[in-house]
Protein backbone atom coordinates (compact mmCIF):
# COMPACT_ATOMS: atom_id res chain seq x y z
CA MET A 1 85.90 141.80 88.66
CA ASP A 2 85.61 140.51 92.09
CA PHE A 3 83.44 137.69 91.10
CA LEU A 4 86.08 136.86 88.52
CA ILE A 5 88.93 136.59 90.71
CA ILE A 6 86.86 134.38 93.36
CA ALA A 7 85.60 132.05 90.36
CA VAL A 8 89.36 131.35 89.33
CA MET A 9 90.66 130.88 92.78
CA LEU A 10 87.37 128.51 93.77
CA THR A 11 87.09 126.81 90.37
CA PRO A 12 90.17 124.99 90.29
CA LEU A 13 89.92 124.01 93.94
CA VAL A 14 86.31 122.61 93.60
CA LEU A 15 87.31 120.50 90.72
CA GLY A 16 90.31 118.99 92.78
CA PHE A 17 87.99 118.09 95.54
CA LEU A 18 85.70 116.01 92.87
CA ILE A 19 88.90 114.66 91.41
CA VAL A 20 90.19 113.59 94.85
CA ARG A 21 86.39 112.13 95.40
CA ALA A 22 86.34 110.30 92.48
CA ILE A 23 89.99 108.85 92.74
CA ARG A 24 88.74 107.38 96.31
CA LYS A 25 85.25 106.49 95.16
CA TYR A 26 85.67 104.48 91.71
CA GLU A 27 87.29 101.20 90.87
CA GLY A 28 89.69 100.22 87.69
CA ASN A 29 89.35 102.15 84.40
CA TYR A 30 87.25 104.78 86.10
CA ARG A 31 89.82 105.67 88.68
CA ARG A 32 92.69 105.89 86.10
CA ALA A 33 90.04 108.08 83.99
CA ALA A 34 89.80 110.45 86.81
CA TRP A 35 93.26 111.24 87.19
CA VAL A 36 92.99 113.03 83.72
CA PRO A 37 91.76 116.47 84.29
CA ALA A 38 94.61 116.57 87.49
CA ILE A 39 97.12 115.86 84.94
CA VAL A 40 96.09 118.62 82.56
CA LEU A 41 95.92 120.96 84.89
CA GLY A 42 99.37 120.35 86.69
CA ALA A 43 100.71 120.50 83.05
CA LEU A 44 98.98 123.97 82.76
CA ALA A 45 100.48 125.00 86.06
CA ILE A 46 103.85 123.94 85.50
CA LYS A 47 103.85 125.58 81.87
CA ALA A 48 102.25 128.60 83.33
CA ALA A 49 105.01 128.62 86.22
CA ALA A 50 107.98 128.23 83.63
CA ASP A 51 106.71 130.78 81.17
CA VAL A 52 106.61 133.49 84.03
CA SER A 53 109.68 132.80 85.42
CA SER A 54 111.31 133.07 82.28
CA ASP A 55 109.47 136.40 81.14
CA SER A 56 107.32 138.03 83.56
CA SER A 57 105.13 139.51 80.78
CA ALA A 58 104.38 136.47 79.37
CA HIS A 59 101.28 134.34 79.87
CA ASN A 60 99.28 137.02 81.54
CA LEU A 61 95.95 135.31 81.07
CA TRP A 62 97.10 132.23 82.85
CA PRO A 63 94.07 132.45 85.30
CA LEU A 64 91.64 132.67 82.29
CA GLU A 65 93.43 129.62 81.08
CA LEU A 66 93.05 127.80 84.35
CA LEU A 67 89.52 128.97 84.54
CA MET A 68 88.85 127.42 80.79
CA TRP A 69 90.57 124.37 81.78
CA SER A 70 88.76 123.70 85.04
CA ALA A 71 85.28 124.10 83.24
CA GLY A 72 86.44 121.62 80.51
CA GLY A 73 87.46 119.49 83.72
CA PHE A 74 84.16 119.98 85.29
CA VAL A 75 82.47 118.59 82.02
CA TYR A 76 84.80 115.76 81.93
CA MET A 77 84.09 114.81 85.44
CA GLY A 78 80.07 114.74 84.81
CA VAL A 79 80.72 112.63 81.91
CA LEU A 80 82.60 110.38 84.03
CA ALA A 81 80.29 110.44 86.69
CA LEU A 82 77.24 109.43 84.22
CA LEU A 83 79.23 106.52 82.97
CA VAL A 84 80.26 105.42 86.28
CA ARG A 85 76.52 105.61 87.05
CA GLU A 86 75.12 103.86 84.10
CA SER A 87 77.97 101.03 84.43
CA LYS A 88 76.45 100.26 87.80
CA ARG A 89 72.81 100.35 86.81
CA GLN A 90 73.67 97.85 84.17
CA ARG A 91 75.58 95.61 86.36
CA PRO A 92 73.67 92.91 88.41
CA ASP A 93 74.11 92.76 92.00
CA ARG A 94 75.69 89.75 92.81
CA SER A 95 74.72 89.65 96.30
CA LYS A 96 70.81 89.11 95.17
CA ILE A 97 71.64 86.35 92.77
CA SER A 98 70.84 82.77 94.31
CA ARG A 99 73.40 79.95 94.28
């Protein structure tokens, strides 16, 4: 049970770190795409807070939902990182092109 509590607390933090790193590093549409998991997790947090504030017994499993959505965010960020790496590999380096 302790592992689950630690995983639930650390997983969104690590994902948040990856999102911030991607937003700073990527350019253009890739930067915009890096915002998607942050928006989804933010909406989940707002929904869970609103549900719990209206009824304290509602949304008892929000930590597991957060863990599940964070896992999806890791997959999304991994695919995004692969797309960025692949697009950089296919794009020629303009500094090596002779003029």
